[in-house]
Amino acid sequence: LARGLTGVGVKLKGAEAAFTGSREDARGHCMRARELAQVTLSEARQSVLSLSEGQVETVGLAEALQELVDRLRTETQIRLDLSIAGTPRRLDAAIEENLLGIARQAIDNAIQHSDANEIRAELAFEKTRVRLQVAEDGCGFTPSAVPRGFGLKSMEDRAKQCGGKLDLQTEPGKGTCIAVSVRLRRSPGSPRSA
């Protein structure tokens, strides 16, 4: 964060000096400063959101996800809703941590990139599985035309780690929906078994 903010300061100082010369030079400095500020803001948001990973161990997935959504509501003008279906229960620690990480990344991607008016998250506890879905009504995209960035790859890896598969549905102008379903295995005698 310090490096990013220092870079913003350097670019703005360059823009200030360029105002005595070419307008195009000044504009270039301002554009690079804005881009660097956006990257730094994204890193700051990820750092803050990652603090919630420790919470899942003590409060469980449903409550940690509710706390995450409540916190993000204060940071965005986008309507953000969460629904929880079924009876929340404790799951294997790896499943809880990975599903919370997927939700966090999907919501953060929607806030940063989708130009959405609404983001809807749903967590469903079923008898033999748990399902997570994050959908938004933003700009959408053509998956084959967009390079797979770190965020999507991270969500796919997390889904695999907990025995699920990430499902991405999107198209230009129709928003994006990210869903993962994890089959639960019984662990007799474990307080965290489903």
N, C-alpha and C. Protein backbone atom coordinates (compact mmCIF):
# COMPACT_ATOMS: atom_id res chain seq x y z
N LEU A 1 0.83 -1.20 0.00
CA LEU A 1 0.00 0.00 0.00
C LEU A 1 0.87 1.25 0.00
N ALA A 2 1.94 1.22 0.81
CA ALA A 2 2.83 2.38 0.87
C ALA A 2 3.47 2.63 -0.49
N ARG A 3 3.91 1.54 -1.17
CA ARG A 3 4.51 1.69 -2.49
C ARG A 3 3.51 2.28 -3.48
N GLY A 4 2.27 1.77 -3.43
CA GLY A 4 1.25 2.27 -4.34
C GLY A 4 0.94 3.74 -4.13
N LEU A 5 0.78 4.12 -2.87
CA LEU A 5 0.47 5.52 -2.57
C LEU A 5 1.64 6.44 -2.89
N THR A 6 2.87 5.95 -2.69
CA THR A 6 4.05 6.74 -3.08
C THR A 6 4.05 6.95 -4.59
N GLY A 7 3.69 5.88 -5.33
CA GLY A 7 3.63 5.99 -6.78
C GLY A 7 2.59 7.00 -7.24
N VAL A 8 1.42 7.01 -6.58
CA VAL A 8 0.39 8.01 -6.91
C VAL A 8 0.95 9.41 -6.70
N GLY A 9 1.63 9.61 -5.57
CA GLY A 9 2.22 10.92 -5.28
C GLY A 9 3.23 11.34 -6.34
N VAL A 10 4.08 10.40 -6.78
CA VAL A 10 5.09 10.71 -7.79
C VAL A 10 4.42 11.09 -9.11
N LYS A 11 3.38 10.33 -9.50
CA LYS A 11 2.69 10.63 -10.76
C LYS A 11 2.00 11.99 -10.70
N LEU A 12 1.39 12.31 -9.57
CA LEU A 12 0.73 13.61 -9.45
C LEU A 12 1.74 14.76 -9.45
N LYS A 13 2.90 14.51 -8.85
CA LYS A 13 3.96 15.54 -8.88
C LYS A 13 4.42 15.74 -10.32
N GLY A 14 4.54 14.63 -11.08
CA GLY A 14 4.90 14.73 -12.48
C GLY A 14 3.86 15.47 -13.29
N ALA A 15 2.58 15.22 -12.97
CA ALA A 15 1.50 15.93 -13.67
C ALA A 15 1.56 17.41 -13.37
N GLU A 16 1.83 17.75 -12.11
CA GLU A 16 1.93 19.16 -11.72
C GLU A 16 3.03 19.86 -12.51
N ALA A 17 4.18 19.18 -12.64
CA ALA A 17 5.29 19.77 -13.40
C ALA A 17 4.94 19.86 -14.88
N ALA A 18 4.20 18.86 -15.37
CA ALA A 18 3.86 18.83 -16.80
C ALA A 18 2.86 19.91 -17.19
N PHE A 19 2.12 20.45 -16.22
CA PHE A 19 1.15 21.49 -16.55
C PHE A 19 1.84 22.73 -17.12
N THR A 20 3.12 22.87 -16.84
CA THR A 20 3.85 23.99 -17.42
C THR A 20 4.27 23.68 -18.85
N GLY A 21 4.15 22.41 -19.25
CA GLY A 21 4.54 22.01 -20.60
C GLY A 21 3.33 21.52 -21.38
N SER A 22 3.39 20.27 -21.84
CA SER A 22 2.37 19.70 -22.71
C SER A 22 1.15 19.22 -21.90
N ARG A 23 -0.03 19.51 -22.43
CA ARG A 23 -1.26 19.01 -21.80
C ARG A 23 -1.33 17.50 -21.88
N GLU A 24 -0.83 16.93 -22.98
CA GLU A 24 -0.87 15.47 -23.15
C GLU A 24 0.02 14.79 -22.12
N ASP A 25 1.18 15.37 -21.82
CA ASP A 25 2.04 14.81 -20.77
C ASP A 25 1.33 14.83 -19.43
N ALA A 26 0.70 15.97 -19.13
CA ALA A 26 -0.02 16.10 -17.85
C ALA A 26 -1.16 15.09 -17.78
N ARG A 27 -1.90 14.94 -18.88
CA ARG A 27 -3.02 13.99 -18.92
C ARG A 27 -2.51 12.56 -18.70
N GLY A 28 -1.38 12.21 -19.31
CA GLY A 28 -0.81 10.88 -19.15
C GLY A 28 -0.43 10.60 -17.70
N HIS A 29 0.19 11.58 -17.04
CA HIS A 29 0.54 11.42 -15.62
C HIS A 29 -0.72 11.22 -14.77
N CYS A 30 -1.76 12.00 -15.04
CA CYS A 30 -3.01 11.88 -14.27
C CYS A 30 -3.67 10.52 -14.48
N MET A 31 -3.68 10.04 -15.73
CA MET A 31 -4.28 8.75 -16.01
C MET A 31 -3.53 7.63 -15.29
N ARG A 32 -2.19 7.67 -15.32
CA ARG A 32 -1.41 6.63 -14.64
C ARG A 32 -1.60 6.71 -13.13
N ALA A 33 -1.73 7.93 -12.59
CA ALA A 33 -1.98 8.08 -11.15
C ALA A 33 -3.33 7.48 -10.78
N ARG A 34 -4.35 7.72 -11.61
CA ARG A 34 -5.67 7.17 -11.33
C ARG A 34 -5.66 5.64 -11.39
N GLU A 35 -4.99 5.08 -12.38
CA GLU A 35 -4.89 3.62 -12.50
C GLU A 35 -4.18 3.02 -11.28
N LEU A 36 -3.09 3.67 -10.87
CA LEU A 36 -2.34 3.18 -9.71
C LEU A 36 -3.17 3.29 -8.44
N ALA A 37 -3.95 4.36 -8.33
CA ALA A 37 -4.84 4.51 -7.16
C ALA A 37 -5.88 3.40 -7.13
N GLN A 38 -6.42 3.02 -8.30
CA GLN A 38 -7.43 1.95 -8.35
C GLN A 38 -6.82 0.61 -7.94
N VAL A 39 -5.62 0.33 -8.41
CA VAL A 39 -4.94 -0.93 -8.03
C VAL A 39 -4.67 -0.95 -6.53
N THR A 40 -4.20 0.19 -6.00
CA THR A 40 -3.90 0.27 -4.58
C THR A 40 -5.16 0.12 -3.74
N LEU A 41 -6.26 0.71 -4.18
CA LEU A 41 -7.53 0.56 -3.48
C LEU A 41 -7.97 -0.90 -3.48
N SER A 42 -7.80 -1.58 -4.62
CA SER A 42 -8.16 -2.99 -4.70
C SER A 42 -7.33 -3.81 -3.72
N GLU A 43 -6.03 -3.53 -3.64
CA GLU A 43 -5.16 -4.25 -2.70
C GLU A 43 -5.58 -3.98 -1.26
N ALA A 44 -5.94 -2.73 -0.97
CA ALA A 44 -6.38 -2.40 0.38
C ALA A 44 -7.66 -3.16 0.73
N ARG A 45 -8.60 -3.21 -0.22
CA ARG A 45 -9.86 -3.91 0.02
C ARG A 45 -9.60 -5.40 0.26
N GLN A 46 -8.70 -5.99 -0.55
CA GLN A 46 -8.39 -7.41 -0.37
C GLN A 46 -7.75 -7.66 1.00
N SER A 47 -6.89 -6.74 1.43
CA SER A 47 -6.24 -6.90 2.74
C SER A 47 -7.26 -6.86 3.85
N VAL A 48 -8.19 -5.91 3.77
CA VAL A 48 -9.21 -5.80 4.81
C VAL A 48 -10.14 -7.01 4.79
N LEU A 49 -10.54 -7.42 3.59
CA LEU A 49 -11.46 -8.55 3.49
C LEU A 49 -10.82 -9.85 3.96
N SER A 50 -9.51 -9.98 3.77
CA SER A 50 -8.85 -11.23 4.18
C SER A 50 -8.87 -11.39 5.69
N LEU A 51 -9.08 -10.30 6.42
CA LEU A 51 -9.17 -10.41 7.88
C LEU A 51 -10.37 -11.26 8.29
N SER A 52 -11.39 -11.34 7.44
CA SER A 52 -12.59 -12.11 7.78
C SER A 52 -12.36 -13.61 7.73
N GLU A 53 -11.25 -14.07 7.11
CA GLU A 53 -11.01 -15.51 7.03
C GLU A 53 -10.86 -16.12 8.40
N GLY A 54 -10.21 -15.40 9.33
CA GLY A 54 -10.05 -15.94 10.67
C GLY A 54 -11.36 -16.06 11.41
N GLN A 55 -12.33 -15.23 11.05
CA GLN A 55 -13.63 -15.25 11.73
C GLN A 55 -14.40 -16.53 11.47
N VAL A 56 -14.24 -17.11 10.28
CA VAL A 56 -15.05 -18.27 9.91
C VAL A 56 -14.81 -19.42 10.88
N GLU A 57 -13.60 -19.50 11.43
CA GLU A 57 -13.27 -20.60 12.34
C GLU A 57 -14.06 -20.50 13.64
N THR A 58 -14.35 -19.28 14.09
CA THR A 58 -15.04 -19.13 15.37
C THR A 58 -16.55 -18.98 15.23
N VAL A 59 -17.02 -18.36 14.14
CA VAL A 59 -18.47 -18.10 14.05
C VAL A 59 -19.19 -18.97 13.02
N GLY A 60 -18.46 -19.63 12.13
CA GLY A 60 -19.09 -20.44 11.11
C GLY A 60 -19.31 -19.67 9.82
N LEU A 61 -19.54 -20.40 8.75
CA LEU A 61 -19.65 -19.82 7.42
C LEU A 61 -20.80 -18.83 7.28
N ALA A 62 -22.00 -19.21 7.73
CA ALA A 62 -23.17 -18.34 7.54
C ALA A 62 -22.97 -16.99 8.23
N GLU A 63 -22.51 -17.01 9.48
CA GLU A 63 -22.34 -15.75 10.20
C GLU A 63 -21.17 -14.93 9.65
N ALA A 64 -20.08 -15.60 9.26
CA ALA A 64 -18.94 -14.88 8.68
C ALA A 64 -19.33 -14.23 7.36
N LEU A 65 -20.14 -14.92 6.56
CA LEU A 65 -20.60 -14.35 5.29
C LEU A 65 -21.53 -13.17 5.53
N GLN A 66 -22.40 -13.28 6.53
CA GLN A 66 -23.29 -12.16 6.86
C GLN A 66 -22.48 -10.94 7.31
N GLU A 67 -21.45 -11.17 8.14
CA GLU A 67 -20.59 -10.06 8.59
C GLU A 67 -19.86 -9.42 7.42
N LEU A 68 -19.39 -10.25 6.48
CA LEU A 68 -18.71 -9.73 5.28
C LEU A 68 -19.65 -8.84 4.48
N VAL A 69 -20.86 -9.32 4.21
CA VAL A 69 -21.83 -8.55 3.44
C VAL A 69 -22.19 -7.25 4.16
N ASP A 70 -22.42 -7.32 5.47
CA ASP A 70 -22.74 -6.11 6.24
C ASP A 70 -21.63 -5.08 6.14
N ARG A 71 -20.37 -5.54 6.21
CA ARG A 71 -19.24 -4.62 6.13
C ARG A 71 -19.14 -3.99 4.75
N LEU A 72 -19.33 -4.80 3.70
CA LEU A 72 -19.21 -4.28 2.34
C LEU A 72 -20.34 -3.33 1.98
N ARG A 73 -21.50 -3.50 2.59
CA ARG A 73 -22.62 -2.59 2.32
C ARG A 73 -22.24 -1.15 2.64
N THR A 74 -21.38 -0.95 3.63
CA THR A 74 -21.00 0.41 4.03
C THR A 74 -19.98 1.01 3.07
N GLU A 75 -19.41 0.20 2.17
CA GLU A 75 -18.34 0.68 1.29
C GLU A 75 -18.79 0.91 -0.15
N THR A 76 -20.03 0.61 -0.46
CA THR A 76 -20.47 0.71 -1.86
C THR A 76 -21.89 1.25 -1.95
N GLN A 77 -22.20 1.83 -3.07
CA GLN A 77 -23.56 2.30 -3.35
C GLN A 77 -24.40 1.19 -3.97
N ILE A 78 -23.76 0.08 -4.32
CA ILE A 78 -24.47 -1.04 -4.95
C ILE A 78 -25.31 -1.75 -3.89
N ARG A 79 -26.54 -2.11 -4.24
CA ARG A 79 -27.38 -2.88 -3.32
C ARG A 79 -26.78 -4.27 -3.17
N LEU A 80 -26.61 -4.71 -1.94
CA LEU A 80 -25.97 -5.99 -1.66
C LEU A 80 -26.85 -6.78 -0.72
N ASP A 81 -27.36 -7.93 -1.19
CA ASP A 81 -28.27 -8.76 -0.39
C ASP A 81 -27.70 -10.15 -0.20
N LEU A 82 -28.02 -10.74 0.95
CA LEU A 82 -27.63 -12.11 1.25
C LEU A 82 -28.84 -12.88 1.72
N SER A 83 -29.04 -14.08 1.16
CA SER A 83 -30.09 -14.96 1.67
C SER A 83 -29.43 -16.28 2.07
N ILE A 84 -29.92 -16.83 3.16
CA ILE A 84 -29.41 -18.11 3.65
C ILE A 84 -30.59 -19.07 3.70
N ALA A 85 -30.46 -20.18 2.97
CA ALA A 85 -31.52 -21.18 2.91
C ALA A 85 -31.09 -22.42 3.69
N GLY A 86 -32.06 -23.11 4.26
CA GLY A 86 -31.75 -24.29 5.05
C GLY A 86 -31.28 -23.90 6.44
N THR A 87 -30.86 -24.88 7.21
CA THR A 87 -30.41 -24.64 8.57
C THR A 87 -28.89 -24.55 8.59
N PRO A 88 -28.35 -23.36 8.90
CA PRO A 88 -26.88 -23.23 8.95
C PRO A 88 -26.27 -24.20 9.95
N ARG A 89 -25.16 -24.80 9.56
CA ARG A 89 -24.45 -25.71 10.45
C ARG A 89 -22.96 -25.61 10.15
N ARG A 90 -22.18 -26.08 11.08
CA ARG A 90 -20.73 -26.04 10.90
C ARG A 90 -20.31 -27.10 9.90
N LEU A 91 -19.35 -26.73 9.06
CA LEU A 91 -18.83 -27.61 8.03
C LEU A 91 -17.34 -27.83 8.28
N ASP A 92 -16.75 -28.67 7.47
CA ASP A 92 -15.31 -28.85 7.53
C ASP A 92 -14.63 -27.49 7.37
N ALA A 93 -13.56 -27.25 8.13
CA ALA A 93 -12.89 -25.94 8.14
C ALA A 93 -12.45 -25.52 6.74
N ALA A 94 -11.91 -26.45 5.95
CA ALA A 94 -11.43 -26.10 4.60
C ALA A 94 -12.59 -25.66 3.71
N ILE A 95 -13.74 -26.31 3.84
CA ILE A 95 -14.91 -25.93 3.04
C ILE A 95 -15.36 -24.52 3.43
N GLU A 96 -15.48 -24.26 4.72
CA GLU A 96 -15.92 -22.94 5.17
C GLU A 96 -14.97 -21.84 4.70
N GLU A 97 -13.67 -22.04 4.87
CA GLU A 97 -12.70 -21.02 4.48
C GLU A 97 -12.71 -20.77 2.98
N ASN A 98 -12.78 -21.85 2.19
CA ASN A 98 -12.75 -21.68 0.74
C ASN A 98 -14.03 -21.06 0.20
N LEU A 99 -15.19 -21.45 0.74
CA LEU A 99 -16.44 -20.84 0.28
C LEU A 99 -16.50 -19.35 0.66
N LEU A 100 -16.02 -19.01 1.84
CA LEU A 100 -15.99 -17.59 2.21
C LEU A 100 -15.05 -16.82 1.29
N GLY A 101 -13.90 -17.43 0.97
CA GLY A 101 -12.97 -16.78 0.05
C GLY A 101 -13.56 -16.58 -1.34
N ILE A 102 -14.31 -17.56 -1.83
CA ILE A 102 -14.97 -17.43 -3.14
C ILE A 102 -16.00 -16.31 -3.09
N ALA A 103 -16.81 -16.29 -2.05
CA ALA A 103 -17.83 -15.23 -1.92
C ALA A 103 -17.17 -13.86 -1.89
N ARG A 104 -16.12 -13.73 -1.11
CA ARG A 104 -15.42 -12.45 -0.98
C ARG A 104 -14.88 -12.00 -2.33
N GLN A 105 -14.23 -12.92 -3.07
CA GLN A 105 -13.66 -12.56 -4.36
C GLN A 105 -14.74 -12.22 -5.38
N ALA A 106 -15.83 -12.99 -5.41
CA ALA A 106 -16.90 -12.74 -6.37
C ALA A 106 -17.57 -11.39 -6.11
N ILE A 107 -17.81 -11.09 -4.84
CA ILE A 107 -18.45 -9.80 -4.50
C ILE A 107 -17.50 -8.65 -4.82
N ASP A 108 -16.22 -8.81 -4.48
CA ASP A 108 -15.25 -7.75 -4.76
C ASP A 108 -15.12 -7.52 -6.26
N ASN A 109 -15.08 -8.60 -7.06
CA ASN A 109 -15.03 -8.45 -8.52
C ASN A 109 -16.24 -7.68 -9.03
N ALA A 110 -17.41 -8.02 -8.49
CA ALA A 110 -18.64 -7.35 -8.93
C ALA A 110 -18.60 -5.86 -8.58
N ILE A 111 -18.14 -5.54 -7.38
CA ILE A 111 -18.06 -4.13 -6.97
C ILE A 111 -17.10 -3.36 -7.87
N GLN A 112 -15.96 -3.97 -8.19
CA GLN A 112 -14.93 -3.26 -8.94
C GLN A 112 -15.19 -3.18 -10.43
N HIS A 113 -15.74 -4.26 -11.03
CA HIS A 113 -15.72 -4.37 -12.48
C HIS A 113 -17.07 -4.42 -13.17
N SER A 114 -18.17 -4.68 -12.44
CA SER A 114 -19.41 -5.04 -13.14
C SER A 114 -20.31 -3.87 -13.50
N ASP A 115 -20.14 -2.73 -12.83
CA ASP A 115 -21.06 -1.61 -13.00
C ASP A 115 -22.49 -2.05 -12.68
N ALA A 116 -22.62 -2.90 -11.64
CA ALA A 116 -23.92 -3.46 -11.26
C ALA A 116 -24.70 -2.50 -10.37
N ASN A 117 -26.02 -2.67 -10.37
CA ASN A 117 -26.89 -1.97 -9.42
C ASN A 117 -27.17 -2.84 -8.20
N GLU A 118 -27.08 -4.16 -8.39
CA GLU A 118 -27.43 -5.09 -7.31
C GLU A 118 -26.55 -6.33 -7.37
N ILE A 119 -26.13 -6.78 -6.19
CA ILE A 119 -25.39 -8.04 -6.04
C ILE A 119 -26.19 -8.90 -5.08
N ARG A 120 -26.46 -10.14 -5.47
CA ARG A 120 -27.24 -11.05 -4.62
C ARG A 120 -26.40 -12.28 -4.31
N ALA A 121 -26.16 -12.52 -3.03
CA ALA A 121 -25.43 -13.71 -2.60
C ALA A 121 -26.42 -14.66 -1.94
N GLU A 122 -26.24 -15.96 -2.20
CA GLU A 122 -27.11 -16.96 -1.58
C GLU A 122 -26.25 -18.11 -1.08
N LEU A 123 -26.49 -18.52 0.15
CA LEU A 123 -25.83 -19.68 0.74
C LEU A 123 -26.93 -20.66 1.12
N ALA A 124 -26.87 -21.88 0.60
CA ALA A 124 -27.92 -22.86 0.85
C ALA A 124 -27.32 -24.12 1.49
N PHE A 125 -27.85 -24.46 2.66
CA PHE A 125 -27.45 -25.68 3.35
C PHE A 125 -28.47 -26.76 3.01
N GLU A 126 -28.05 -27.78 2.29
CA GLU A 126 -28.92 -28.89 1.95
C GLU A 126 -28.46 -30.13 2.72
N LYS A 127 -29.19 -31.20 2.57
CA LYS A 127 -28.89 -32.42 3.36
C LYS A 127 -27.50 -32.96 3.06
N THR A 128 -27.15 -33.03 1.78
CA THR A 128 -25.87 -33.64 1.42
C THR A 128 -24.90 -32.68 0.75
N ARG A 129 -25.29 -31.43 0.62
CA ARG A 129 -24.39 -30.48 -0.02
C ARG A 129 -24.64 -29.06 0.48
N VAL A 130 -23.68 -28.18 0.17
CA VAL A 130 -23.84 -26.76 0.45
C VAL A 130 -23.59 -26.03 -0.88
N ARG A 131 -24.43 -25.04 -1.16
CA ARG A 131 -24.31 -24.28 -2.40
C ARG A 131 -24.11 -22.81 -2.10
N LEU A 132 -23.24 -22.18 -2.88
CA LEU A 132 -22.99 -20.75 -2.78
C LEU A 132 -23.17 -20.15 -4.16
N GLN A 133 -23.89 -19.04 -4.23
CA GLN A 133 -24.07 -18.34 -5.50
C GLN A 133 -23.95 -16.84 -5.28
N VAL A 134 -23.24 -16.17 -6.18
CA VAL A 134 -23.15 -14.71 -6.17
C VAL A 134 -23.52 -14.24 -7.57
N ALA A 135 -24.60 -13.47 -7.68
CA ALA A 135 -25.09 -12.99 -8.98
C ALA A 135 -25.22 -11.48 -8.94
N GLU A 136 -24.94 -10.85 -10.07
CA GLU A 136 -25.09 -9.39 -10.17
C GLU A 136 -25.68 -9.03 -11.53
N ASP A 137 -26.26 -7.84 -11.60
CA ASP A 137 -26.97 -7.41 -12.81
C ASP A 137 -26.15 -6.42 -13.63
N GLY A 138 -24.84 -6.58 -13.60
CA GLY A 138 -23.96 -5.62 -14.27
C GLY A 138 -23.76 -5.87 -15.75
N CYS A 139 -22.60 -5.42 -16.25
CA CYS A 139 -22.35 -5.39 -17.69
C CYS A 139 -22.07 -6.77 -18.29
N GLY A 140 -21.66 -7.74 -17.48
CA GLY A 140 -21.35 -9.06 -18.02
C GLY A 140 -20.18 -9.01 -18.99
N PHE A 141 -19.80 -10.15 -19.53
CA PHE A 141 -18.69 -10.20 -20.48
C PHE A 141 -18.72 -11.52 -21.23
N THR A 142 -17.91 -11.62 -22.26
CA THR A 142 -17.76 -12.86 -23.01
C THR A 142 -16.53 -13.58 -22.46
N PRO A 143 -16.71 -14.69 -21.73
CA PRO A 143 -15.57 -15.33 -21.07
C PRO A 143 -14.40 -15.64 -21.99
N SER A 144 -14.67 -16.08 -23.23
CA SER A 144 -13.58 -16.43 -24.14
C SER A 144 -12.80 -15.21 -24.62
N ALA A 145 -13.39 -14.02 -24.47
CA ALA A 145 -12.73 -12.80 -24.94
C ALA A 145 -11.95 -12.09 -23.84
N VAL A 146 -12.05 -12.60 -22.62
CA VAL A 146 -11.39 -11.94 -21.49
C VAL A 146 -10.37 -12.90 -20.90
N PRO A 147 -9.10 -12.46 -20.73
CA PRO A 147 -8.12 -13.35 -20.12
C PRO A 147 -8.53 -13.72 -18.70
N ARG A 148 -8.30 -14.97 -18.32
CA ARG A 148 -8.65 -15.40 -16.96
C ARG A 148 -7.69 -14.76 -15.99
N GLY A 149 -8.21 -13.83 -15.20
CA GLY A 149 -7.37 -13.11 -14.25
C GLY A 149 -7.17 -13.89 -12.96
N PHE A 150 -6.42 -13.28 -12.06
CA PHE A 150 -6.10 -13.91 -10.78
C PHE A 150 -7.36 -14.23 -9.98
N GLY A 151 -8.34 -13.33 -9.99
CA GLY A 151 -9.54 -13.51 -9.18
C GLY A 151 -10.31 -14.75 -9.56
N LEU A 152 -10.57 -14.94 -10.85
CA LEU A 152 -11.32 -16.10 -11.31
C LEU A 152 -10.53 -17.39 -11.08
N LYS A 153 -9.24 -17.35 -11.36
CA LYS A 153 -8.39 -18.53 -11.13
C LYS A 153 -8.38 -18.89 -9.65
N SER A 154 -8.29 -17.89 -8.79
CA SER A 154 -8.30 -18.13 -7.34
C SER A 154 -9.60 -18.79 -6.91
N MET A 155 -10.73 -18.32 -7.44
CA MET A 155 -12.02 -18.92 -7.09
C MET A 155 -12.11 -20.37 -7.58
N GLU A 156 -11.62 -20.63 -8.80
CA GLU A 156 -11.63 -22.00 -9.32
C GLU A 156 -10.78 -22.92 -8.44
N ASP A 157 -9.60 -22.43 -8.04
CA ASP A 157 -8.72 -23.23 -7.19
C ASP A 157 -9.36 -23.52 -5.84
N ARG A 158 -10.02 -22.51 -5.26
CA ARG A 158 -10.68 -22.69 -3.97
C ARG A 158 -11.82 -23.72 -4.09
N ALA A 159 -12.56 -23.65 -5.18
CA ALA A 159 -13.65 -24.61 -5.38
C ALA A 159 -13.11 -26.04 -5.43
N LYS A 160 -12.00 -26.23 -6.16
CA LYS A 160 -11.39 -27.56 -6.25
C LYS A 160 -10.90 -28.04 -4.89
N GLN A 161 -10.32 -27.12 -4.12
CA GLN A 161 -9.77 -27.50 -2.81
C GLN A 161 -10.84 -28.04 -1.87
N CYS A 162 -12.07 -27.58 -2.03
CA CYS A 162 -13.12 -28.09 -1.13
C CYS A 162 -14.02 -29.10 -1.84
N GLY A 163 -13.57 -29.64 -2.98
CA GLY A 163 -14.30 -30.71 -3.65
C GLY A 163 -15.44 -30.25 -4.52
N GLY A 164 -15.47 -28.99 -4.88
CA GLY A 164 -16.54 -28.48 -5.73
C GLY A 164 -16.01 -28.04 -7.09
N LYS A 165 -16.90 -27.47 -7.89
CA LYS A 165 -16.52 -26.95 -9.20
C LYS A 165 -17.20 -25.61 -9.38
N LEU A 166 -16.43 -24.64 -9.84
CA LEU A 166 -16.97 -23.30 -10.04
C LEU A 166 -17.73 -23.24 -11.36
N ASP A 167 -18.92 -22.67 -11.34
CA ASP A 167 -19.74 -22.50 -12.53
C ASP A 167 -19.88 -21.00 -12.78
N LEU A 168 -19.43 -20.54 -13.95
CA LEU A 168 -19.51 -19.13 -14.33
C LEU A 168 -20.51 -18.98 -15.45
N GLN A 169 -21.52 -18.12 -15.25
CA GLN A 169 -22.49 -17.82 -16.29
C GLN A 169 -22.52 -16.31 -16.49
N THR A 170 -22.22 -15.88 -17.70
CA THR A 170 -22.21 -14.45 -17.99
C THR A 170 -22.30 -14.24 -19.50
N GLU A 171 -22.79 -13.09 -19.87
CA GLU A 171 -22.75 -12.63 -21.25
C GLU A 171 -22.91 -11.12 -21.24
N PRO A 172 -22.41 -10.45 -22.26
CA PRO A 172 -22.47 -8.99 -22.28
C PRO A 172 -23.89 -8.46 -22.07
N GLY A 173 -24.02 -7.52 -21.15
CA GLY A 173 -25.30 -6.88 -20.87
C GLY A 173 -26.24 -7.68 -20.00
N LYS A 174 -25.84 -8.87 -19.57
CA LYS A 174 -26.75 -9.74 -18.80
C LYS A 174 -26.24 -10.10 -17.42
N GLY A 175 -25.21 -9.42 -16.95
CA GLY A 175 -24.70 -9.70 -15.62
C GLY A 175 -23.86 -10.96 -15.55
N THR A 176 -23.50 -11.32 -14.34
CA THR A 176 -22.64 -12.49 -14.10
C THR A 176 -23.15 -13.24 -12.88
N CYS A 177 -23.08 -14.57 -12.95
CA CYS A 177 -23.44 -15.42 -11.83
C CYS A 177 -22.31 -16.42 -11.61
N ILE A 178 -21.81 -16.47 -10.40
CA ILE A 178 -20.78 -17.44 -10.03
C ILE A 178 -21.39 -18.35 -8.98
N ALA A 179 -21.30 -19.67 -9.20
CA ALA A 179 -21.90 -20.63 -8.27
C ALA A 179 -20.94 -21.78 -8.03
N VAL A 180 -21.02 -22.32 -6.83
CA VAL A 180 -20.25 -23.52 -6.51
C VAL A 180 -21.10 -24.39 -5.59
N SER A 181 -21.04 -25.69 -5.83
CA SER A 181 -21.77 -26.66 -5.02
C SER A 181 -20.77 -27.68 -4.50
N VAL A 182 -20.83 -27.96 -3.20
CA VAL A 182 -19.88 -28.88 -2.58
C VAL A 182 -20.66 -30.00 -1.91
N ARG A 183 -20.37 -31.24 -2.30
CA ARG A 183 -20.98 -32.40 -1.64
C ARG A 183 -20.30 -32.60 -0.30
N LEU A 184 -21.11 -32.82 0.73
CA LEU A 184 -20.58 -32.96 2.08
C LEU A 184 -20.35 -34.41 2.43
N ARG A 185 -19.21 -34.67 3.04
CA ARG A 185 -18.89 -36.02 3.52
C ARG A 185 -19.08 -36.07 5.01
N ARG A 186 -19.62 -37.15 5.51
CA ARG A 186 -19.82 -37.30 6.94
C ARG A 186 -18.51 -37.72 7.60
N SER A 187 -18.22 -37.10 8.75
CA SER A 187 -17.05 -37.44 9.53
C SER A 187 -17.52 -37.80 10.94
N PRO A 188 -17.80 -39.08 11.21
CA PRO A 188 -18.34 -39.47 12.51
C PRO A 188 -17.45 -38.98 13.65
N GLY A 189 -18.12 -38.44 14.67
CA GLY A 189 -17.41 -37.99 15.87
C GLY A 189 -16.83 -36.61 15.77
N SER A 190 -16.83 -36.01 14.57
CA SER A 190 -16.27 -34.66 14.43
C SER A 190 -17.33 -33.62 14.70
N PRO A 191 -17.03 -32.64 15.56
CA PRO A 191 -18.01 -31.59 15.83
C PRO A 191 -18.27 -30.71 14.62
N ARG A 192 -17.39 -30.77 13.61
CA ARG A 192 -17.54 -29.92 12.43
C ARG A 192 -18.15 -30.69 11.29
N SER A 193 -18.58 -31.92 11.49
CA SER A 193 -19.15 -32.69 10.38
C SER A 193 -20.53 -32.21 10.02
N ALA A 194 -20.92 -32.47 8.77
CA ALA A 194 -22.24 -32.03 8.30
C ALA A 194 -23.22 -33.17 8.44
